[in-house]
Structure formats: C-alpha cells, structure tokens
Amino acid sequence: MSDPADGKIPSRNAFAARCEAVLKGLRFYSRLPVPVFAFEADAHGMPDFARTAWAIPVAGAIIGLVGAGIGLAAWFIGIAIPLAATLTIAALVIATGAFHEDGLADCCDGFWGGATRERRLEIMKDSRLGTFGTAGLALALLLRILALSELFRLTGPMALLLVIGIAAFSRPAALLPVLFLPPASGTGLAADTPMPGAGALLLALLVGGGFLVAPALYLEFSTGLFAAFGAVGVALYLATRLSEAKIGGFTGDVLGACQQITEITLLIGLSTAANWQGPI
C-alpha cells in the first residue's frame, strides 16, 4: 500500500471493491433495504457496469433469492401451487419496485401509442399508464405466474432454484441491445449509466448462465434449456429491431422490457422442458 504522504491514493482492498459493486447493483436494480458499509467509497453513486458487469447477475441472483424464499415458504406450508407461484412473482415485483415491469408497460404505451419517434419517447416518459401498457403488463404477469405454476407442479421446490437462475441471467441478457443500438435519448437512466462492452457483457452472461445451467442440468433439462436460450436470442433480436424501428435506439424502459421478455421466455421454455420430461 502506498504511503499517503507521497501523494498517491492507496488502493482499496479488491474484495471490498467487489462487494461494493454487488451492493451498488442491488441498489440499482431493487428497492431492498441495502445497508451502507464503511468500506464503500461511493455507496449511492451510479454503478459502473462498463467495469463491473459481472456484478449484475450476482445482484440478480440475490433478488431472485427473495422471491424464491417466499415461494419456498408458501410451498412448505401447503399453499396451493398457483398461489405459491403468484406470491413468488409478487415478491420479485415488490423487491424491485416494479422496476422492469414499468419499463415494459412504458414501451407498450409508447411503441403503439405514438405515431412519431418524438411522440413515442414523450409517451414513454409519462408516468401515467395507458391501455397498451396495462394490457402488456397484465399479460406479462399472467404468463410469468402460469409458467412458474407449471414449473412448481412438475419440479416441486426445485423450480425456485430456476427462479434464482432466471433472475441472474435475465438482467445481463437485457443489456444486449446496448451492443447494437445507440441511446435513443441523450438523457435518462440508460444514457447516464456506463454500459458494458461485448467482453464484459459476455462475462456477465456466463456468470448469470452458471446460476441457471446448474439447476437445469440437475433436472436434466439440457435440451430444453438450450432451446430456451435460443428462444431468448430470437426474442431479444426482435425486441432490438423493434426498438430501433420505433425510437431509433434504446432507453432504460427498453432494457427493462428486455428483462421481462427474457424472464418470460425462459419460464415458458423451462416449463415446457419440464412438461416433456414429466413430474420428477
């Protein structure tokens, strides 16, 4: 460590820096009451995902653990499967403050409620919820609950490990549009947040994929899992092209919508894989 007298700033402990990156990710992606620790240099600053993209799936897994914990408790006390799935999804929504759901609803309102690029962006910034947003949000929640119910039915509490993995993988996957599109607006959360490059994002996807692949392979869902990954790729490609056509780039709302698209696609894909195999 350098002597402060020589004018150089001592380097922080690498482990502390990594912990701070995860904590910042949690504060960014969730409304969980994350405490501030003494080792944090800038606890409430914007996360630098260009340098710490690997922390995105770790924060996602912790958020997923919140939903999984509620679902596991519901399962063990005998709550019916559809209600246990609903409580799991509700816990995820509450933990994030509907962060991603809001983005999906805003995209539905803006993309289909405006006739021009400028009007679409204006609608997306409006906090009020319109018909397209309401319909999109309702359908998204319904699909998540029904697909998770099927996973519960076929795999029991093992479904909750998949919930954690999906939460971890879907967040870095949602950032894929930033590799192909410019920011649609010069202001906003997405424009102000340093975004990862291809290498950093690949590392984040590998970390997030590890959380998902492990339980999927345990359940012998290898074929279904890779089919689901393929479906996610197609869905995100279509979402990226749609965003380019509608607003000429990406916004924070677009990235939030992509997280929801990824989560829904994986839940449907894995529930289908579970149905192919039958109850464990």
C-alpha atoms as a PDB file:
ATOM      1  CA  MET A   1       0.000   0.000   0.000  1.00  0.00           C
ATOM      2  CA  SER A   2       1.273   3.456  -0.905  1.00  0.00           C
ATOM      3  CA  ASP A   3       2.240   5.999   1.706  1.00  0.00           C
ATOM      4  CA  PRO A   4      -0.383   8.795   1.751  1.00  0.00           C
ATOM      5  CA  ALA A   5       2.491  11.262   2.122  1.00  0.00           C
ATOM      6  CA  ASP A   6       3.755  10.548  -1.399  1.00  0.00           C
ATOM      7  CA  GLY A   7       0.577  11.962  -2.929  1.00  0.00           C
ATOM      8  CA  LYS A   8      -0.750   8.644  -4.218  1.00  0.00           C
ATOM      9  CA  ILE A   9      -4.154   7.300  -3.207  1.00  0.00           C
ATOM     10  CA  PRO A  10      -3.911   3.895  -1.549  1.00  0.00           C
ATOM     11  CA  SER A  11      -5.694   1.148  -3.448  1.00  0.00           C
ATOM     12  CA  ARG A  12      -8.679  -0.343  -1.727  1.00  0.00           C
ATOM     13  CA  ASN A  13      -8.922  -3.968  -0.883  1.00  0.00           C
ATOM     14  CA  ALA A  14     -10.035  -5.812  -4.044  1.00  0.00           C
ATOM     15  CA  PHE A  15     -12.604  -7.877  -2.153  1.00  0.00           C
ATOM     16  CA  ALA A  16     -14.160  -4.722  -0.692  1.00  0.00           C
ATOM     17  CA  ALA A  17     -14.368  -3.201  -4.180  1.00  0.00           C
ATOM     18  CA  ARG A  18     -16.145  -6.300  -5.487  1.00  0.00           C
ATOM     19  CA  CYS A  19     -18.580  -6.255  -2.592  1.00  0.00           C
ATOM     20  CA  GLU A  20     -19.329  -2.596  -3.277  1.00  0.00           C
ATOM     21  CA  ALA A  21     -20.022  -3.406  -6.939  1.00  0.00           C
ATOM     22  CA  VAL A  22     -22.614  -6.011  -5.924  1.00  0.00           C
ATOM     23  CA  LEU A  23     -24.179  -3.664  -3.368  1.00  0.00           C
ATOM     24  CA  LYS A  24     -24.450  -0.922  -5.979  1.00  0.00           C
ATOM     25  CA  GLY A  25     -26.081  -3.400  -8.335  1.00  0.00           C
ATOM     26  CA  LEU A  26     -28.634  -4.274  -5.675  1.00  0.00           C
ATOM     27  CA  ARG A  27     -29.413  -0.608  -5.031  1.00  0.00           C
ATOM     28  CA  PHE A  28     -29.766  -0.002  -8.763  1.00  0.00           C
ATOM     29  CA  TYR A  29     -31.975  -2.983  -9.552  1.00  0.00           C
ATOM     30  CA  SER A  30     -34.010  -3.279  -6.363  1.00  0.00           C
ATOM     31  CA  ARG A  31     -35.754  -1.492  -3.537  1.00  0.00           C
ATOM     32  CA  LEU A  32     -34.277  -3.812  -0.945  1.00  0.00           C
ATOM     33  CA  PRO A  33     -33.010  -2.046   2.218  1.00  0.00           C
ATOM     34  CA  VAL A  34     -29.320  -2.479   1.404  1.00  0.00           C
ATOM     35  CA  PRO A  35     -27.191  -1.126   4.267  1.00  0.00           C
ATOM     36  CA  VAL A  36     -24.211   1.149   3.677  1.00  0.00           C
ATOM     37  CA  PHE A  37     -20.911  -0.337   4.834  1.00  0.00           C
ATOM     38  CA  ALA A  38     -17.808   1.506   5.985  1.00  0.00           C
ATOM     39  CA  PHE A  39     -15.661   0.098   3.166  1.00  0.00           C
ATOM     40  CA  GLU A  40     -17.822   1.673   0.450  1.00  0.00           C
ATOM     41  CA  ALA A  41     -16.232   4.689  -1.191  1.00  0.00           C
ATOM     42  CA  ASP A  42     -19.354   5.891  -3.039  1.00  0.00           C
ATOM     43  CA  ALA A  43     -22.268   3.847  -1.791  1.00  0.00           C
ATOM     44  CA  HIS A  44     -25.014   5.772  -3.583  1.00  0.00           C
ATOM     45  CA  GLY A  45     -23.193   6.547  -6.813  1.00  0.00           C
ATOM     46  CA  MET A  46     -24.245   5.107 -10.160  1.00  0.00           C
ATOM     47  CA  PRO A  47     -22.859   1.625 -10.800  1.00  0.00           C
ATOM     48  CA  ASP A  48     -20.149   1.437 -13.446  1.00  0.00           C
ATOM     49  CA  PHE A  49     -21.375  -1.537 -15.450  1.00  0.00           C
ATOM     50  CA  ALA A  50     -18.642  -0.925 -18.008  1.00  0.00           C
ATOM     51  CA  ARG A  51     -16.161  -2.166 -15.378  1.00  0.00           C
ATOM     52  CA  THR A  52     -18.296  -4.341 -13.090  1.00  0.00           C
ATOM     53  CA  ALA A  53     -20.789  -6.055 -15.401  1.00  0.00           C
ATOM     54  CA  TRP A  54     -20.062  -9.354 -13.627  1.00  0.00           C
ATOM     55  CA  ALA A  55     -21.872  -7.948 -10.564  1.00  0.00           C
ATOM     56  CA  ILE A  56     -25.171  -7.638 -12.464  1.00  0.00           C
ATOM     57  CA  PRO A  57     -26.058 -11.378 -12.365  1.00  0.00           C
ATOM     58  CA  VAL A  58     -24.891 -11.656  -8.755  1.00  0.00           C
ATOM     59  CA  ALA A  59     -27.267  -8.859  -7.759  1.00  0.00           C
ATOM     60  CA  GLY A  60     -29.963 -10.530  -9.873  1.00  0.00           C
ATOM     61  CA  ALA A  61     -29.463 -13.847  -8.077  1.00  0.00           C
ATOM     62  CA  ILE A  62     -29.883 -12.134  -4.695  1.00  0.00           C
ATOM     63  CA  ILE A  63     -33.123 -10.530  -5.906  1.00  0.00           C
ATOM     64  CA  GLY A  64     -34.252 -13.918  -7.203  1.00  0.00           C
ATOM     65  CA  LEU A  65     -33.458 -15.416  -3.814  1.00  0.00           C
ATOM     66  CA  VAL A  66     -36.007 -13.074  -2.228  1.00  0.00           C
ATOM     67  CA  GLY A  67     -38.775 -14.371  -4.494  1.00  0.00           C
ATOM     68  CA  ALA A  68     -37.594 -17.947  -4.132  1.00  0.00           C
ATOM     69  CA  GLY A  69     -37.613 -17.653  -0.332  1.00  0.00           C
ATOM     70  CA  ILE A  70     -41.227 -16.507  -0.327  1.00  0.00           C
ATOM     71  CA  GLY A  71     -42.163 -19.261  -2.767  1.00  0.00           C
ATOM     72  CA  LEU A  72     -40.389 -21.923  -0.707  1.00  0.00           C
ATOM     73  CA  ALA A  73     -42.161 -20.818   2.459  1.00  0.00           C
ATOM     74  CA  ALA A  74     -45.506 -20.915   0.652  1.00  0.00           C
ATOM     75  CA  TRP A  75     -44.738 -24.378  -0.722  1.00  0.00           C
ATOM     76  CA  PHE A  76     -43.790 -25.877   2.621  1.00  0.00           C
ATOM     77  CA  ILE A  77     -46.826 -24.586   4.498  1.00  0.00           C
ATOM     78  CA  GLY A  78     -49.087 -26.135   1.884  1.00  0.00           C
ATOM     79  CA  ILE A  79     -50.306 -23.119  -0.085  1.00  0.00           C
ATOM     80  CA  ALA A  80     -51.767 -24.186  -3.432  1.00  0.00           C
ATOM     81  CA  ILE A  81     -49.347 -24.132  -6.359  1.00  0.00           C
ATOM     82  CA  PRO A  82     -50.955 -21.244  -8.315  1.00  0.00           C
ATOM     83  CA  LEU A  83     -50.973 -19.107  -5.169  1.00  0.00           C
ATOM     84  CA  ALA A  84     -47.372 -20.029  -4.314  1.00  0.00           C
ATOM     85  CA  ALA A  85     -46.326 -19.021  -7.837  1.00  0.00           C
ATOM     86  CA  THR A  86     -48.265 -15.769  -7.546  1.00  0.00           C
ATOM     87  CA  LEU A  87     -46.619 -14.960  -4.216  1.00  0.00           C
ATOM     88  CA  THR A  88     -43.191 -15.668  -5.730  1.00  0.00           C
ATOM     89  CA  ILE A  89     -43.774 -13.293  -8.637  1.00  0.00           C
ATOM     90  CA  ALA A  90     -45.316 -10.712  -6.294  1.00  0.00           C
ATOM     91  CA  ALA A  91     -42.198 -10.834  -4.105  1.00  0.00           C
ATOM     92  CA  LEU A  92     -39.997 -10.225  -7.145  1.00  0.00           C
ATOM     93  CA  VAL A  93     -42.137  -7.269  -8.219  1.00  0.00           C
ATOM     94  CA  ILE A  94     -42.050  -5.758  -4.722  1.00  0.00           C
ATOM     95  CA  ALA A  95     -38.310  -6.360  -4.306  1.00  0.00           C
ATOM     96  CA  THR A  96     -37.554  -4.429  -7.498  1.00  0.00           C
ATOM     97  CA  GLY A  97     -40.236  -1.776  -7.063  1.00  0.00           C
ATOM     98  CA  ALA A  98     -41.702  -2.973 -10.397  1.00  0.00           C
ATOM     99  CA  PHE A  99     -38.517  -1.592 -11.992  1.00  0.00           C
ATOM    100  CA  HIS A 100     -38.614  -3.798 -15.090  1.00  0.00           C
ATOM    101  CA  GLU A 101     -42.397  -4.052 -15.257  1.00  0.00           C
ATOM    102  CA  ASP A 102     -42.578  -0.269 -15.509  1.00  0.00           C
ATOM    103  CA  GLY A 103     -40.219  -0.358 -18.485  1.00  0.00           C
ATOM    104  CA  LEU A 104     -42.323  -2.976 -20.244  1.00  0.00           C
ATOM    105  CA  ALA A 105     -45.530  -1.000 -19.701  1.00  0.00           C
ATOM    106  CA  ASP A 106     -43.929   2.246 -20.898  1.00  0.00           C
ATOM    107  CA  CYS A 107     -42.642   0.547 -24.056  1.00  0.00           C
ATOM    108  CA  CYS A 108     -46.074  -0.890 -24.839  1.00  0.00           C
ATOM    109  CA  ASP A 109     -47.666   2.531 -24.394  1.00  0.00           C
ATOM    110  CA  GLY A 110     -45.006   4.396 -26.349  1.00  0.00           C
ATOM    111  CA  PHE A 111     -44.353   1.986 -29.203  1.00  0.00           C
ATOM    112  CA  TRP A 112     -48.022   1.532 -30.038  1.00  0.00           C
ATOM    113  CA  GLY A 113     -49.475   4.763 -28.714  1.00  0.00           C
ATOM    114  CA  GLY A 114     -47.402   7.254 -30.712  1.00  0.00           C
ATOM    115  CA  ALA A 115     -47.194   7.937 -34.432  1.00  0.00           C
ATOM    116  CA  THR A 116     -43.728   9.512 -34.463  1.00  0.00           C
ATOM    117  CA  ARG A 117     -40.399   8.827 -32.744  1.00  0.00           C
ATOM    118  CA  GLU A 118     -40.666  12.029 -30.731  1.00  0.00           C
ATOM    119  CA  ARG A 119     -44.212  11.290 -29.599  1.00  0.00           C
ATOM    120  CA  ARG A 120     -43.290   7.736 -28.603  1.00  0.00           C
ATOM    121  CA  LEU A 121     -40.416   8.952 -26.446  1.00  0.00           C
ATOM    122  CA  GLU A 122     -42.696  11.556 -24.894  1.00  0.00           C
ATOM    123  CA  ILE A 123     -45.284   8.904 -24.010  1.00  0.00           C
ATOM    124  CA  MET A 124     -42.596   6.641 -22.538  1.00  0.00           C
ATOM    125  CA  LYS A 125     -41.522   9.416 -20.175  1.00  0.00           C
ATOM    126  CA  ASP A 126     -45.106   9.938 -18.978  1.00  0.00           C
ATOM    127  CA  SER A 127     -45.695   8.291 -15.593  1.00  0.00           C
ATOM    128  CA  ARG A 128     -49.329   7.583 -16.420  1.00  0.00           C
ATOM    129  CA  LEU A 129     -50.291   4.105 -17.624  1.00  0.00           C
ATOM    130  CA  GLY A 130     -52.266   3.712 -20.834  1.00  0.00           C
ATOM    131  CA  THR A 131     -54.287   0.936 -22.413  1.00  0.00           C
ATOM    132  CA  PHE A 132     -51.365  -0.704 -24.225  1.00  0.00           C
ATOM    133  CA  GLY A 133     -49.206  -0.600 -21.102  1.00  0.00           C
ATOM    134  CA  THR A 134     -51.953  -2.018 -18.911  1.00  0.00           C
ATOM    135  CA  ALA A 135     -52.622  -4.866 -21.333  1.00  0.00           C
ATOM    136  CA  GLY A 136     -48.917  -5.646 -21.760  1.00  0.00           C
ATOM    137  CA  LEU A 137     -48.262  -5.628 -18.026  1.00  0.00           C
ATOM    138  CA  ALA A 138     -51.289  -7.832 -17.266  1.00  0.00           C
ATOM    139  CA  LEU A 139     -50.317 -10.357 -19.925  1.00  0.00           C
ATOM    140  CA  ALA A 140     -46.688 -10.414 -18.752  1.00  0.00           C
ATOM    141  CA  LEU A 141     -47.662 -11.097 -15.132  1.00  0.00           C
ATOM    142  CA  LEU A 142     -50.140 -13.764 -16.212  1.00  0.00           C
ATOM    143  CA  LEU A 143     -47.557 -15.547 -18.356  1.00  0.00           C
ATOM    144  CA  ARG A 144     -44.977 -15.485 -15.556  1.00  0.00           C
ATOM    145  CA  ILE A 145     -47.407 -16.843 -12.968  1.00  0.00           C
ATOM    146  CA  LEU A 146     -48.811 -19.585 -15.220  1.00  0.00           C
ATOM    147  CA  ALA A 147     -45.367 -20.738 -16.388  1.00  0.00           C
ATOM    148  CA  LEU A 148     -43.997 -20.772 -12.833  1.00  0.00           C
ATOM    149  CA  SER A 149     -47.085 -22.667 -11.644  1.00  0.00           C
ATOM    150  CA  GLU A 150     -46.310 -25.346 -14.213  1.00  0.00           C
ATOM    151  CA  LEU A 151     -42.698 -25.498 -13.070  1.00  0.00           C
ATOM    152  CA  PHE A 152     -43.875 -25.840  -9.466  1.00  0.00           C
ATOM    153  CA  ARG A 153     -46.251 -28.627 -10.436  1.00  0.00           C
ATOM    154  CA  LEU A 154     -43.649 -30.611 -12.348  1.00  0.00           C
ATOM    155  CA  THR A 155     -40.447 -29.985 -10.374  1.00  0.00           C
ATOM    156  CA  GLY A 156     -41.649 -29.045  -6.882  1.00  0.00           C
ATOM    157  CA  PRO A 157     -39.422 -26.648  -4.915  1.00  0.00           C
ATOM    158  CA  MET A 158     -36.595 -27.165  -7.432  1.00  0.00           C
ATOM    159  CA  ALA A 159     -38.487 -24.609  -9.519  1.00  0.00           C
ATOM    160  CA  LEU A 160     -37.254 -21.955  -7.119  1.00  0.00           C
ATOM    161  CA  LEU A 161     -33.606 -22.619  -7.993  1.00  0.00           C
ATOM    162  CA  LEU A 162     -34.593 -21.931 -11.586  1.00  0.00           C
ATOM    163  CA  VAL A 163     -36.219 -18.675 -10.435  1.00  0.00           C
ATOM    164  CA  ILE A 164     -32.885 -17.584  -8.954  1.00  0.00           C
ATOM    165  CA  GLY A 165     -31.052 -18.549 -12.141  1.00  0.00           C
ATOM    166  CA  ILE A 166     -33.541 -16.726 -14.356  1.00  0.00           C
ATOM    167  CA  ALA A 167     -33.245 -13.606 -12.200  1.00  0.00           C
ATOM    168  CA  ALA A 168     -29.456 -13.775 -12.526  1.00  0.00           C
ATOM    169  CA  PHE A 169     -29.344 -14.388 -16.286  1.00  0.00           C
ATOM    170  CA  SER A 170     -32.159 -12.112 -17.411  1.00  0.00           C
ATOM    171  CA  ARG A 171     -30.521  -8.910 -16.160  1.00  0.00           C
ATOM    172  CA  PRO A 172     -27.299  -9.063 -18.180  1.00  0.00           C
ATOM    173  CA  ALA A 173     -29.240 -10.510 -21.133  1.00  0.00           C
ATOM    174  CA  ALA A 174     -31.459  -7.416 -21.041  1.00  0.00           C
ATOM    175  CA  LEU A 175     -28.395  -5.262 -21.800  1.00  0.00           C
ATOM    176  CA  LEU A 176     -27.659  -6.943 -25.137  1.00  0.00           C
ATOM    177  CA  PRO A 177     -29.399  -4.160 -27.130  1.00  0.00           C
ATOM    178  CA  VAL A 178     -26.738  -1.678 -25.965  1.00  0.00           C
ATOM    179  CA  LEU A 179     -24.203  -3.528 -28.141  1.00  0.00           C
ATOM    180  CA  PHE A 180     -26.221  -2.834 -31.292  1.00  0.00           C
ATOM    181  CA  LEU A 181     -28.135   0.387 -30.667  1.00  0.00           C
ATOM    182  CA  PRO A 182     -27.279   3.927 -29.568  1.00  0.00           C
ATOM    183  CA  PRO A 183     -29.175   5.620 -26.740  1.00  0.00           C
ATOM    184  CA  ALA A 184     -32.460   6.912 -28.141  1.00  0.00           C
ATOM    185  CA  SER A 185     -32.260   9.927 -25.859  1.00  0.00           C
ATOM    186  CA  GLY A 186     -29.328  11.909 -24.507  1.00  0.00           C
ATOM    187  CA  THR A 187     -30.846  11.948 -21.034  1.00  0.00           C
ATOM    188  CA  GLY A 188     -32.260   9.344 -18.701  1.00  0.00           C
ATOM    189  CA  LEU A 189     -31.063   6.450 -16.590  1.00  0.00           C
ATOM    190  CA  ALA A 190     -29.784   4.371 -19.504  1.00  0.00           C
ATOM    191  CA  ALA A 191     -27.861   7.283 -21.016  1.00  0.00           C
ATOM    192  CA  ASP A 192     -26.282   8.180 -17.662  1.00  0.00           C
ATOM    193  CA  THR A 193     -25.230   4.640 -16.684  1.00  0.00           C
ATOM    194  CA  PRO A 194     -21.870   3.361 -18.038  1.00  0.00           C
ATOM    195  CA  MET A 195     -22.763   0.297 -20.099  1.00  0.00           C
ATOM    196  CA  PRO A 196     -20.588  -2.800 -20.587  1.00  0.00           C
ATOM    197  CA  GLY A 197     -18.823  -3.649 -23.813  1.00  0.00           C
ATOM    198  CA  ALA A 198     -19.056  -7.015 -25.531  1.00  0.00           C
ATOM    199  CA  GLY A 199     -16.358  -8.708 -23.429  1.00  0.00           C
ATOM    200  CA  ALA A 200     -17.694  -7.519 -20.088  1.00  0.00           C
ATOM    201  CA  LEU A 201     -21.252  -8.422 -21.045  1.00  0.00           C
ATOM    202  CA  LEU A 202     -20.171 -11.890 -22.170  1.00  0.00           C
ATOM    203  CA  LEU A 203     -18.596 -12.448 -18.750  1.00  0.00           C
ATOM    204  CA  ALA A 204     -21.810 -11.297 -17.054  1.00  0.00           C
ATOM    205  CA  LEU A 205     -23.867 -13.661 -19.217  1.00  0.00           C
ATOM    206  CA  LEU A 206     -21.565 -16.552 -18.340  1.00  0.00           C
ATOM    207  CA  VAL A 207     -21.878 -15.794 -14.621  1.00  0.00           C
ATOM    208  CA  GLY A 208     -25.661 -15.480 -14.889  1.00  0.00           C
ATOM    209  CA  GLY A 209     -25.828 -18.581 -17.052  1.00  0.00           C
ATOM    210  CA  GLY A 210     -23.986 -20.536 -14.373  1.00  0.00           C
ATOM    211  CA  PHE A 211     -26.755 -19.811 -11.875  1.00  0.00           C
ATOM    212  CA  LEU A 212     -29.302 -21.166 -14.365  1.00  0.00           C
ATOM    213  CA  VAL A 213     -27.441 -24.033 -16.020  1.00  0.00           C
ATOM    214  CA  ALA A 214     -26.579 -25.812 -12.754  1.00  0.00           C
ATOM    215  CA  PRO A 215     -30.173 -26.499 -11.577  1.00  0.00           C
ATOM    216  CA  ALA A 216     -31.360 -27.088 -15.157  1.00  0.00           C
ATOM    217  CA  LEU A 217     -28.748 -29.794 -15.700  1.00  0.00           C
ATOM    218  CA  TYR A 218     -29.592 -31.328 -12.327  1.00  0.00           C
ATOM    219  CA  LEU A 219     -33.185 -31.576 -13.545  1.00  0.00           C
ATOM    220  CA  GLU A 220     -31.912 -32.993 -16.868  1.00  0.00           C
ATOM    221  CA  PHE A 221     -33.335 -30.072 -18.832  1.00  0.00           C
ATOM    222  CA  SER A 222     -30.266 -29.693 -21.049  1.00  0.00           C
ATOM    223  CA  THR A 223     -32.145 -29.876 -24.365  1.00  0.00           C
ATOM    224  CA  GLY A 224     -34.959 -27.660 -23.160  1.00  0.00           C
ATOM    225  CA  LEU A 225     -32.537 -25.172 -21.596  1.00  0.00           C
ATOM    226  CA  PHE A 226     -30.558 -24.604 -24.770  1.00  0.00           C
ATOM    227  CA  ALA A 227     -33.789 -24.365 -26.757  1.00  0.00           C
ATOM    228  CA  ALA A 228     -34.904 -21.705 -24.254  1.00  0.00           C
ATOM    229  CA  PHE A 229     -31.596 -19.840 -24.690  1.00  0.00           C
ATOM    230  CA  GLY A 230     -32.182 -19.899 -28.441  1.00  0.00           C
ATOM    231  CA  ALA A 231     -35.699 -18.554 -27.978  1.00  0.00           C
ATOM    232  CA  VAL A 232     -34.321 -15.754 -25.778  1.00  0.00           C
ATOM    233  CA  GLY A 233     -31.866 -14.824 -28.521  1.00  0.00           C
ATOM    234  CA  VAL A 234     -34.657 -14.606 -31.086  1.00  0.00           C
ATOM    235  CA  ALA A 235     -36.930 -12.641 -28.733  1.00  0.00           C
ATOM    236  CA  LEU A 236     -34.197 -10.115 -27.884  1.00  0.00           C
ATOM    237  CA  TYR A 237     -33.236  -9.740 -31.538  1.00  0.00           C
ATOM    238  CA  LEU A 238     -36.849  -8.908 -32.404  1.00  0.00           C
ATOM    239  CA  ALA A 239     -37.107  -6.514 -29.445  1.00  0.00           C
ATOM    240  CA  THR A 240     -33.890  -4.779 -30.538  1.00  0.00           C
ATOM    241  CA  ARG A 241     -35.091  -4.362 -34.118  1.00  0.00           C
ATOM    242  CA  LEU A 242     -38.486  -3.111 -32.906  1.00  0.00           C
ATOM    243  CA  SER A 243     -36.840  -0.555 -30.638  1.00  0.00           C
ATOM    244  CA  GLU A 244     -34.649   0.621 -33.499  1.00  0.00           C
ATOM    245  CA  ALA A 245     -37.660   0.989 -35.783  1.00  0.00           C
ATOM    246  CA  LYS A 246     -39.842   2.753 -33.209  1.00  0.00           C
ATOM    247  CA  ILE A 247     -37.438   5.109 -31.422  1.00  0.00           C
ATOM    248  CA  GLY A 248     -34.065   4.717 -33.134  1.00  0.00           C
ATOM    249  CA  GLY A 249     -32.214   3.260 -30.156  1.00  0.00           C
ATOM    250  CA  PHE A 250     -32.560   2.002 -26.610  1.00  0.00           C
ATOM    251  CA  THR A 251     -33.765   3.583 -23.378  1.00  0.00           C
ATOM    252  CA  GLY A 252     -33.950   2.344 -19.806  1.00  0.00           C
ATOM    253  CA  ASP A 253     -37.550   1.336 -20.490  1.00  0.00           C
ATOM    254  CA  VAL A 254     -36.419  -0.798 -23.426  1.00  0.00           C
ATOM    255  CA  LEU A 255     -33.830  -2.567 -21.268  1.00  0.00           C
ATOM    256  CA  GLY A 256     -36.452  -3.156 -18.564  1.00  0.00           C
ATOM    257  CA  ALA A 257     -38.794  -4.623 -21.161  1.00  0.00           C
ATOM    258  CA  CYS A 258     -35.987  -6.888 -22.406  1.00  0.00           C
ATOM    259  CA  GLN A 259     -35.509  -8.249 -18.884  1.00  0.00           C
ATOM    260  CA  GLN A 260     -39.193  -9.128 -18.753  1.00  0.00           C
ATOM    261  CA  ILE A 261     -39.077 -10.676 -22.214  1.00  0.00           C
ATOM    262  CA  THR A 262     -36.082 -12.792 -21.203  1.00  0.00           C
ATOM    263  CA  GLU A 263     -37.700 -13.910 -17.940  1.00  0.00           C
ATOM    264  CA  ILE A 264     -40.984 -14.831 -19.613  1.00  0.00           C
ATOM    265  CA  THR A 265     -39.245 -16.706 -22.432  1.00  0.00           C
ATOM    266  CA  LEU A 266     -37.115 -18.706 -20.000  1.00  0.00           C
ATOM    267  CA  LEU A 267     -40.064 -19.524 -17.734  1.00  0.00           C
ATOM    268  CA  ILE A 268     -42.115 -20.754 -20.689  1.00  0.00           C
ATOM    269  CA  GLY A 269     -39.161 -22.640 -22.164  1.00  0.00           C
ATOM    270  CA  LEU A 270     -38.235 -24.373 -18.914  1.00  0.00           C
ATOM    271  CA  SER A 271     -41.847 -25.213 -18.044  1.00  0.00           C
ATOM    272  CA  THR A 272     -42.132 -26.772 -21.494  1.00  0.00           C
ATOM    273  CA  ALA A 273     -38.947 -28.746 -20.877  1.00  0.00           C
ATOM    274  CA  ALA A 274     -40.374 -29.916 -17.554  1.00  0.00           C
ATOM    275  CA  ASN A 275     -43.567 -30.980 -19.306  1.00  0.00           C
ATOM    276  CA  TRP A 276     -41.584 -33.022 -21.837  1.00  0.00           C
ATOM    277  CA  GLN A 277     -39.870 -34.856 -19.012  1.00  0.00           C
ATOM    278  CA  GLY A 278     -42.892 -35.179 -16.716  1.00  0.00           C
ATOM    279  CA  PRO A 279     -43.054 -34.782 -12.900  1.00  0.00           C
ATOM    280  CA  ILE A 280     -39.836 -35.573 -11.021  1.00  0.00           C
END
